[in-house]
Amino acid sequence: MKTLFWLMILSGSLSPEQAQFKVDLPADLQTFSQQRYALEQKISEELDLPIPPKAHDFFQAAIAGHESNVTNRFALLHENQEMDERIPALQNALFPPIHEVLGIYEQWDVWKKDSDLLNMCYAPILNSMPSGSIYFGGTDPGRFVVTMMNEVEGSNLFCITQNALADNNYLSYLRYFYGKRLRLPSDDDARKAFQQFVGDVQAGRGPPGADIKIENGRVQVSGALSVMAINAILVEWIFDWNKDTHDFYVEESYVIPWMYPYLRPHGYIMKLEKEPLPSPNQNPQLWKEIEEQDTAYWDKLVAGLKTHQTFQDNLAAKKTFSKMRSAIAGLYLNREMIEQAKYAFRQAIELYPESPEASFRLAELYKNLQQYDKAAKLIEDYLKHDKDNNSAQEFLTQLRQLEAENEKTVR
């Protein structure tokens, strides 16, 4: 039924706005909180991890739907809020269920309690994935909203965030929740992933910006890019271990380069095929069909969003839809489908003109094509929204210098 539903959306007979699961917010916040509280109690009993009284208080506030109390009670679960240091009793598998409840309450708030836009964004994602699929949700809304919808609706998806796999507490939680149905990394696997990352960096194979430090004989990793590089290793192992029996889908936050050969656009998000897809040069007809379907889908979506009565005033919605379109543009860019990448990046900017990701990536593309005037115009337009952005100012200066040098060469 879900497959037919999604085909109706892609064919144009059913618009994304009509793709209703439909989740009933805010009542589902309380239902999800109750479900996660029950899970917390099971984890406590089976793993012999006592739930601290403050955590009970947090769940009671969430189940009652007391939004301000949820935030306040969560703050009490930290010994040092500035350092994000949790109390010792929650430095284990008990914390992720709490985090997921807090996350969905925070998203409900930043989306301005707009059930219509949330459903418009995430119901089509859920409806597009067959039962038993593994979904990697990277952004906060992509993680927390889909996780809640999946649980409340009983969609039988495996919702995992690729951003937290380097956290042993999160891995422990995943193994408890999904470990009987999926092969997931053990603590030893996590150590091996860390060692692989360190070896890659020391051998000069690490991702740009990745960094390690050795203090008192211990290797320390710092920075989001380094942590994501470890996450990427673990994500790849989960994919390799489970791809024969499960479909995989990705809502991107940080780019994970190994995925690109396997990815194809899938509505708002992307699908990880089980084997690498042929390149556009190897199979131009396949990519022509992919691009035509993707463009038709997003053209209709962008047109609908631009006329939606609350979209323009909802910053979270603009960021979310723009981010998803930028991710697909990045896939086209990786596949050297330059015109398609330009078009998708422009749509991302149209949805959220203040987007640094879409603006900078498209400007960098123009720069690499030596279209310095277009790149400079793009950054000038971006600076109208973020005039104090020093990185954008420096980039614009560089582009103008390149443009001047190019004009001298042409003369």
Protein backbone atom coordinates (compact mmCIF):
# COMPACT_ATOMS: atom_id res chain seq x y z
CA MET A 1 0.00 0.00 0.00
CA LYS A 2 2.85 2.39 0.85
CA THR A 3 4.50 1.71 -2.51
CA LEU A 4 1.29 2.59 -4.38
CA PHE A 5 0.86 5.67 -2.23
CA TRP A 6 4.36 6.89 -3.08
CA LEU A 7 3.95 6.15 -6.79
CA MET A 8 0.83 8.32 -6.72
CA ILE A 9 2.89 11.17 -5.25
CA LEU A 10 5.69 10.85 -7.80
CA SER A 11 3.30 10.52 -10.70
CA GLY A 12 1.60 13.75 -9.71
CA SER A 13 -1.80 12.26 -8.91
CA LEU A 14 -1.17 12.92 -5.23
CA SER A 15 0.82 15.90 -4.03
CA PRO A 16 3.19 15.86 -1.04
CA GLU A 17 0.70 18.06 0.80
CA GLN A 18 -1.87 15.24 0.49
CA ALA A 19 0.49 12.53 1.70
CA GLN A 20 -1.07 12.17 5.12
CA PHE A 21 -0.06 9.46 7.53
CA LYS A 22 -1.43 11.47 9.40
CA VAL A 23 0.34 12.17 12.65
CA ASP A 24 -1.74 14.01 15.21
CA LEU A 25 0.49 16.49 16.97
CA PRO A 26 0.73 17.35 19.83
CA ALA A 27 -1.11 14.26 21.12
CA ASP A 28 1.50 12.02 19.51
CA LEU A 29 4.24 13.75 21.52
CA GLN A 30 2.63 12.35 24.65
CA THR A 31 2.09 8.92 23.11
CA PHE A 32 5.71 8.76 22.00
CA SER A 33 6.87 9.91 25.43
CA GLN A 34 4.86 7.09 27.02
CA GLN A 35 6.38 4.58 24.59
CA ARG A 36 9.91 5.75 25.29
CA TYR A 37 9.28 5.72 29.04
CA ALA A 38 8.20 2.08 28.77
CA LEU A 39 11.35 1.37 26.75
CA GLU A 40 13.45 3.14 29.37
CA GLN A 41 12.00 0.90 32.05
CA LYS A 42 12.72 -2.24 30.03
CA ILE A 43 16.31 -1.17 29.45
CA SER A 44 16.66 -0.46 33.15
CA GLU A 45 15.33 -3.87 34.13
CA GLU A 46 17.14 -6.00 31.57
CA LEU A 47 20.50 -4.20 31.66
CA ASP A 48 20.37 -3.59 35.42
CA LEU A 49 20.64 0.19 35.07
CA PRO A 50 18.67 2.07 37.75
CA ILE A 51 16.66 5.02 36.45
CA PRO A 52 17.46 8.12 38.51
CA PRO A 53 14.45 9.96 40.02
CA LYS A 54 15.14 13.03 37.88
CA ALA A 55 14.70 10.92 34.73
CA HIS A 56 11.34 9.66 36.00
CA ASP A 57 10.34 13.29 36.53
CA PHE A 58 11.41 14.15 32.97
CA PHE A 59 9.26 11.42 31.44
CA GLN A 60 6.26 12.33 33.58
CA ALA A 61 6.46 15.93 32.34
CA ALA A 62 6.71 14.73 28.73
CA ILE A 63 3.81 12.30 29.06
CA ALA A 64 1.69 15.08 30.56
CA GLY A 65 2.54 17.34 27.62
CA HIS A 66 4.12 20.05 29.77
CA GLU A 67 6.50 21.52 27.21
CA SER A 68 8.32 24.01 29.42
CA ASN A 69 8.69 21.40 32.16
CA VAL A 70 10.25 18.99 29.65
CA THR A 71 13.06 21.43 28.95
CA ASN A 72 13.53 22.31 32.60
CA ARG A 73 13.54 18.70 33.74
CA PHE A 74 16.05 17.80 31.04
CA ALA A 75 18.41 20.52 32.27
CA LEU A 76 18.35 18.90 35.72
CA LEU A 77 19.78 15.70 34.19
CA HIS A 78 23.13 17.45 33.72
CA GLU A 79 25.79 18.12 36.31
CA ASN A 80 27.37 20.78 34.13
CA GLN A 81 25.06 22.22 31.49
CA GLU A 82 27.75 24.28 29.81
CA MET A 83 29.89 21.17 29.27
CA ASP A 84 26.82 19.06 28.40
CA GLU A 85 27.91 16.65 31.13
CA ARG A 86 25.17 14.21 32.09
CA ILE A 87 24.75 12.82 35.56
CA PRO A 88 26.67 9.50 35.91
CA ALA A 89 23.50 7.40 36.12
CA LEU A 90 22.63 8.42 32.54
CA GLN A 91 26.02 7.87 30.92
CA ASN A 92 24.74 4.65 29.39
CA ALA A 93 21.90 3.24 27.27
CA LEU A 94 19.29 5.02 29.40
CA PHE A 95 20.07 8.39 27.88
CA PRO A 96 19.07 7.98 24.17
CA PRO A 97 15.33 7.47 24.90
CA ILE A 98 15.40 10.66 26.96
CA HIS A 99 17.23 12.48 24.18
CA GLU A 100 14.70 11.33 21.59
CA VAL A 101 11.80 12.64 23.67
CA LEU A 102 13.52 15.97 24.24
CA GLY A 103 14.40 16.12 20.53
CA ILE A 104 10.82 15.78 19.33
CA TYR A 105 9.57 18.38 21.83
CA GLU A 106 12.27 20.78 20.61
CA GLN A 107 11.32 20.18 16.99
CA TRP A 108 7.65 20.76 17.76
CA ASP A 109 8.68 24.13 19.17
CA VAL A 110 11.06 25.25 16.40
CA TRP A 111 8.54 24.23 13.73
CA LYS A 112 6.13 26.65 15.45
CA LYS A 113 3.77 23.80 16.34
CA ASP A 114 2.77 23.57 12.67
CA SER A 115 1.37 20.06 12.25
CA ASP A 116 0.54 20.70 8.62
CA LEU A 117 4.12 21.54 7.60
CA LEU A 118 5.58 18.72 9.69
CA ASN A 119 3.26 16.23 8.03
CA MET A 120 3.96 17.71 4.63
CA CYS A 121 7.67 17.20 5.23
CA TYR A 122 7.85 13.84 6.96
CA ALA A 123 4.74 11.82 6.10
CA PRO A 124 5.94 11.39 2.48
CA ILE A 125 9.32 10.19 3.75
CA LEU A 126 7.71 7.50 5.90
CA ASN A 127 5.29 6.51 3.17
CA SER A 128 8.13 6.11 0.68
CA MET A 129 10.01 3.41 2.60
CA PRO A 130 8.86 -0.23 2.70
CA SER A 131 8.47 -2.03 6.01
CA GLY A 132 11.76 -3.29 7.40
CA SER A 133 13.84 -0.53 5.81
CA ILE A 134 16.80 0.99 7.63
CA TYR A 135 16.61 4.78 7.71
CA PHE A 136 19.59 6.98 8.56
CA GLY A 137 18.28 10.34 9.81
CA GLY A 138 21.02 12.95 10.02
CA THR A 139 19.47 16.31 10.88
CA ASP A 140 17.56 16.86 14.10
CA PRO A 141 14.13 16.94 12.44
CA GLY A 142 15.10 14.09 10.12
CA ARG A 143 16.06 12.03 13.13
CA PHE A 144 13.54 12.91 15.83
CA VAL A 145 10.37 13.54 13.82
CA VAL A 146 10.70 10.41 11.69
CA THR A 147 11.59 8.32 14.76
CA MET A 148 8.47 9.51 16.54
CA MET A 149 6.21 9.02 13.53
CA ASN A 150 7.61 5.54 12.98
CA GLU A 151 6.96 4.50 16.57
CA VAL A 152 3.51 6.03 16.91
CA GLU A 153 2.33 4.70 13.55
CA GLY A 154 3.99 1.29 13.96
CA SER A 155 5.70 1.59 10.57
CA ASN A 156 8.33 -1.06 11.34
CA LEU A 157 11.29 0.97 10.17
CA PHE A 158 14.71 0.90 11.78
CA CYS A 159 15.46 4.55 12.57
CA ILE A 160 19.14 5.25 13.23
CA THR A 161 21.06 8.49 13.28
CA GLN A 162 24.42 8.27 11.53
CA ASN A 163 25.65 11.20 13.65
CA ALA A 164 25.80 9.36 16.99
CA LEU A 165 27.30 5.97 16.15
CA ALA A 166 30.68 6.93 17.62
CA ASP A 167 28.90 7.29 20.98
CA ASN A 168 29.12 3.96 22.84
CA ASN A 169 26.00 4.78 24.86
CA TYR A 170 24.00 5.23 21.66
CA LEU A 171 25.40 2.01 20.19
CA SER A 172 24.45 0.15 23.36
CA TYR A 173 20.91 1.52 23.06
CA LEU A 174 20.68 0.49 19.39
CA ARG A 175 21.85 -3.02 20.16
CA TYR A 176 19.21 -3.34 22.86
CA PHE A 177 16.44 -1.95 20.66
CA TYR A 178 17.30 -3.49 17.28
CA GLY A 179 20.05 -6.01 18.00
CA LYS A 180 17.87 -9.11 17.63
CA ARG A 181 16.86 -8.08 14.11
CA LEU A 182 19.94 -6.27 12.77
CA ARG A 183 23.66 -6.84 12.96
CA LEU A 184 25.02 -3.77 14.69
CA PRO A 185 28.52 -2.74 15.80
CA SER A 186 29.76 -4.12 19.11
CA ASP A 187 31.94 -2.16 21.51
CA ASP A 188 34.91 -3.96 19.96
CA ASP A 189 33.77 -2.90 16.48
CA ALA A 190 33.57 0.70 17.69
CA ARG A 191 37.17 0.48 18.91
CA LYS A 192 38.23 -0.95 15.56
CA ALA A 193 36.49 1.92 13.75
CA PHE A 194 38.35 4.41 15.93
CA GLN A 195 41.66 2.66 15.23
CA GLN A 196 40.93 2.62 11.49
CA PHE A 197 40.24 6.34 11.54
CA VAL A 198 43.45 7.08 13.45
CA GLY A 199 45.43 4.93 11.05
CA ASP A 200 43.89 6.71 8.07
CA VAL A 201 44.78 10.13 9.48
CA GLN A 202 48.33 9.11 10.33
CA ALA A 203 48.77 7.69 6.83
CA GLY A 204 47.45 10.87 5.23
CA ARG A 205 44.22 9.21 4.07
CA GLY A 206 41.95 11.01 6.52
CA PRO A 207 39.18 13.34 5.40
CA PRO A 208 40.03 17.05 5.04
CA GLY A 209 39.86 18.79 8.40
CA ALA A 210 40.09 15.58 10.44
CA ASP A 211 42.41 15.89 13.40
CA ILE A 212 43.83 13.74 16.18
CA LYS A 213 45.87 14.63 19.24
CA ILE A 214 48.05 12.42 21.41
CA GLU A 215 48.14 13.42 25.08
CA ASN A 216 49.78 11.27 27.77
CA GLY A 217 49.94 8.38 25.33
CA ARG A 218 46.21 8.52 24.53
CA VAL A 219 44.81 9.40 21.13
CA GLN A 220 42.05 12.01 21.22
CA VAL A 221 39.72 13.00 18.40
CA SER A 222 38.37 16.53 18.16
CA GLY A 223 35.95 18.28 15.85
CA ALA A 224 32.74 17.28 14.14
CA LEU A 225 34.49 16.18 10.93
CA SER A 226 36.66 13.70 12.83
CA VAL A 227 33.68 12.25 14.70
CA MET A 228 31.71 12.00 11.47
CA ALA A 229 34.59 10.14 9.83
CA ILE A 230 34.31 7.49 12.57
CA ASN A 231 30.53 7.47 12.18
CA ALA A 232 30.98 6.93 8.44
CA ILE A 233 33.03 3.80 9.04
CA LEU A 234 30.37 2.37 11.34
CA VAL A 235 27.57 3.30 8.94
CA GLU A 236 29.36 1.45 6.14
CA TRP A 237 29.67 -1.68 8.27
CA ILE A 238 25.97 -1.57 9.17
CA PHE A 239 25.17 -1.24 5.48
CA ASP A 240 27.46 -4.11 4.45
CA TRP A 241 26.17 -6.42 7.18
CA ASN A 242 22.44 -5.82 6.56
CA LYS A 243 21.97 -4.81 2.92
CA ASP A 244 21.03 -8.29 1.73
CA THR A 245 17.91 -8.31 3.90
CA HIS A 246 16.99 -4.61 4.26
CA ASP A 247 16.57 -1.53 2.08
CA PHE A 248 18.51 1.57 3.11
CA TYR A 249 17.54 5.25 2.96
CA VAL A 250 19.46 8.38 3.97
CA GLU A 251 18.49 11.85 5.12
CA GLU A 252 21.85 13.58 4.94
CA SER A 253 23.46 15.91 7.43
CA TYR A 254 27.20 15.71 6.83
CA VAL A 255 28.32 14.20 3.53
CA ILE A 256 29.54 10.60 3.83
CA PRO A 257 31.65 10.17 0.67
CA TRP A 258 31.60 6.36 0.45
CA MET A 259 27.84 6.49 -0.06
CA TYR A 260 27.87 8.45 -3.31
CA PRO A 261 28.28 5.51 -5.73
CA TYR A 262 25.25 3.81 -4.14
CA LEU A 263 22.91 6.81 -3.89
CA ARG A 264 19.97 7.88 -6.00
CA PRO A 265 17.33 10.55 -5.30
CA HIS A 266 14.22 9.23 -3.59
CA GLY A 267 11.66 11.98 -3.19
CA TYR A 268 12.86 14.22 -0.37
CA ILE A 269 15.70 11.92 0.63
CA MET A 270 18.03 9.39 -1.04
CA LYS A 271 18.12 5.63 -1.36
CA LEU A 272 21.26 3.56 -0.87
CA GLU A 273 21.20 0.84 -3.50
CA LYS A 274 22.73 -2.50 -2.57
CA GLU A 275 25.44 -2.20 -5.22
CA PRO A 276 27.05 0.84 -6.88
CA LEU A 277 25.02 2.39 -9.68
CA PRO A 278 26.64 2.79 -13.09
CA SER A 279 27.90 6.29 -13.79
CA PRO A 280 25.99 8.69 -16.07
CA ASN A 281 28.54 7.94 -18.78
CA GLN A 282 28.05 4.21 -18.39
CA ASN A 283 24.25 4.37 -18.36
CA PRO A 284 23.02 7.78 -19.51
CA GLN A 285 19.43 6.56 -19.91
CA LEU A 286 19.23 5.50 -16.28
CA TRP A 287 20.40 8.90 -15.05
CA LYS A 288 18.18 10.71 -17.53
CA GLU A 289 15.19 8.94 -16.02
CA ILE A 290 16.42 9.56 -12.46
CA GLU A 291 16.96 13.27 -13.13
CA GLU A 292 13.64 13.75 -14.93
CA GLN A 293 11.67 12.10 -12.14
CA ASP A 294 13.56 13.99 -9.45
CA THR A 295 13.21 17.36 -11.19
CA ALA A 296 9.49 16.91 -11.80
CA TYR A 297 8.96 15.98 -8.16
CA TRP A 298 10.90 18.93 -6.75
CA ASP A 299 9.50 21.43 -9.25
CA LYS A 300 6.02 20.61 -8.03
CA LEU A 301 7.12 20.62 -4.40
CA VAL A 302 8.91 23.98 -4.61
CA ALA A 303 5.93 25.57 -6.35
CA GLY A 304 3.63 24.27 -3.62
CA LEU A 305 5.87 25.45 -0.81
CA LYS A 306 6.18 28.95 -2.24
CA THR A 307 2.42 29.36 -2.09
CA HIS A 308 1.95 27.58 1.24
CA GLN A 309 0.39 29.96 3.75
CA THR A 310 2.86 29.35 6.60
CA PHE A 311 6.04 28.13 4.88
CA GLN A 312 7.74 31.50 4.38
CA ASP A 313 7.41 32.34 8.06
CA ASN A 314 8.69 28.98 9.28
CA LEU A 315 12.48 29.03 9.47
CA ALA A 316 12.76 25.36 10.44
CA ALA A 317 10.73 24.28 7.43
CA LYS A 318 12.75 26.44 5.03
CA LYS A 319 16.02 25.10 6.39
CA THR A 320 14.84 21.50 6.26
CA PHE A 321 13.52 21.46 2.71
CA SER A 322 16.53 23.44 1.47
CA LYS A 323 18.94 21.06 3.19
CA MET A 324 17.32 18.02 1.59
CA ARG A 325 17.49 19.61 -1.86
CA SER A 326 21.15 20.57 -1.32
CA ALA A 327 21.95 16.96 -0.45
CA ILE A 328 20.56 15.76 -3.77
CA ALA A 329 22.40 18.57 -5.57
CA GLY A 330 25.58 17.27 -3.96
CA LEU A 331 24.88 13.83 -5.39
CA TYR A 332 24.54 15.30 -8.90
CA LEU A 333 27.77 17.22 -8.39
CA ASN A 334 29.59 14.08 -7.33
CA ARG A 335 28.29 12.35 -10.46
CA GLU A 336 29.56 15.29 -12.56
CA MET A 337 26.01 16.14 -13.64
CA ILE A 338 26.84 19.83 -13.50
CA GLU A 339 23.68 21.37 -14.91
CA GLN A 340 21.49 19.19 -12.71
CA ALA A 341 23.59 20.14 -9.67
CA LYS A 342 23.25 23.85 -10.47
CA TYR A 343 19.50 23.53 -10.86
CA ALA A 344 19.04 21.67 -7.57
CA PHE A 345 21.29 24.09 -5.65
CA ARG A 346 19.30 27.03 -7.08
CA GLN A 347 16.09 25.42 -5.85
CA ALA A 348 17.64 24.98 -2.40
CA ILE A 349 18.47 28.68 -2.34
CA GLU A 350 15.01 29.56 -3.60
CA LEU A 351 13.54 27.69 -0.65
CA TYR A 352 15.93 29.29 1.86
CA PRO A 353 17.92 32.25 0.52
CA GLU A 354 19.87 32.46 3.78
CA SER A 355 21.26 28.93 3.31
CA PRO A 356 25.06 29.03 3.67
CA GLU A 357 25.41 25.46 2.45
CA ALA A 358 23.55 25.87 -0.82
CA SER A 359 24.99 29.32 -1.52
CA PHE A 360 28.61 28.40 -0.80
CA ARG A 361 28.48 25.07 -2.62
CA LEU A 362 26.93 26.58 -5.73
CA ALA A 363 29.37 29.50 -5.64
CA GLU A 364 32.27 27.05 -5.32
CA LEU A 365 30.92 25.18 -8.33
CA TYR A 366 30.75 28.39 -10.36
CA LYS A 367 34.28 29.24 -9.24
CA ASN A 368 35.59 25.88 -10.40
CA LEU A 369 33.91 26.51 -13.76
CA GLN A 370 35.67 29.93 -13.83
CA GLN A 371 32.28 31.65 -13.82
CA TYR A 372 33.49 34.12 -11.24
CA ASP A 373 30.85 36.74 -11.93
CA LYS A 374 28.05 34.27 -11.17
CA ALA A 375 29.81 33.07 -8.05
CA ALA A 376 30.35 36.64 -6.82
CA LYS A 377 26.72 37.58 -7.50
CA LEU A 378 25.59 34.57 -5.50
CA ILE A 379 27.70 35.49 -2.47
CA GLU A 380 26.64 39.13 -2.74
CA ASP A 381 23.02 38.00 -2.57
CA TYR A 382 23.81 35.76 0.38
CA LEU A 383 25.47 38.63 2.26
CA LYS A 384 22.24 40.60 2.05
CA HIS A 385 20.90 38.07 4.56
CA ASP A 386 24.09 37.59 6.59
CA LYS A 387 26.14 40.77 6.16
CA ASP A 388 28.48 40.03 9.09
CA ASN A 389 29.60 36.64 7.77
CA ASN A 390 33.39 37.00 7.58
CA SER A 391 33.85 33.80 5.60
CA ALA A 392 31.44 35.04 2.95
CA GLN A 393 33.17 38.43 2.82
CA GLU A 394 36.57 36.77 2.34
CA PHE A 395 35.18 34.44 -0.31
CA LEU A 396 33.65 37.39 -2.17
CA THR A 397 36.97 39.24 -2.11
CA GLN A 398 38.70 36.17 -3.50
CA LEU A 399 36.10 35.83 -6.26
CA ARG A 400 36.43 39.46 -7.28
CA GLN A 401 40.20 39.10 -7.49
CA LEU A 402 39.85 35.99 -9.63
CA GLU A 403 37.32 37.78 -11.84
CA ALA A 404 39.70 40.74 -12.32
CA GLU A 405 42.61 38.43 -13.12
CA ASN A 406 40.47 36.51 -15.58
CA GLU A 407 39.43 39.70 -17.37
CA LYS A 408 43.10 40.71 -17.75
CA THR A 409 43.90 37.32 -19.24
CA VAL A 410 41.04 37.57 -21.71
CA ARG A 411 42.19 41.01 -22.85
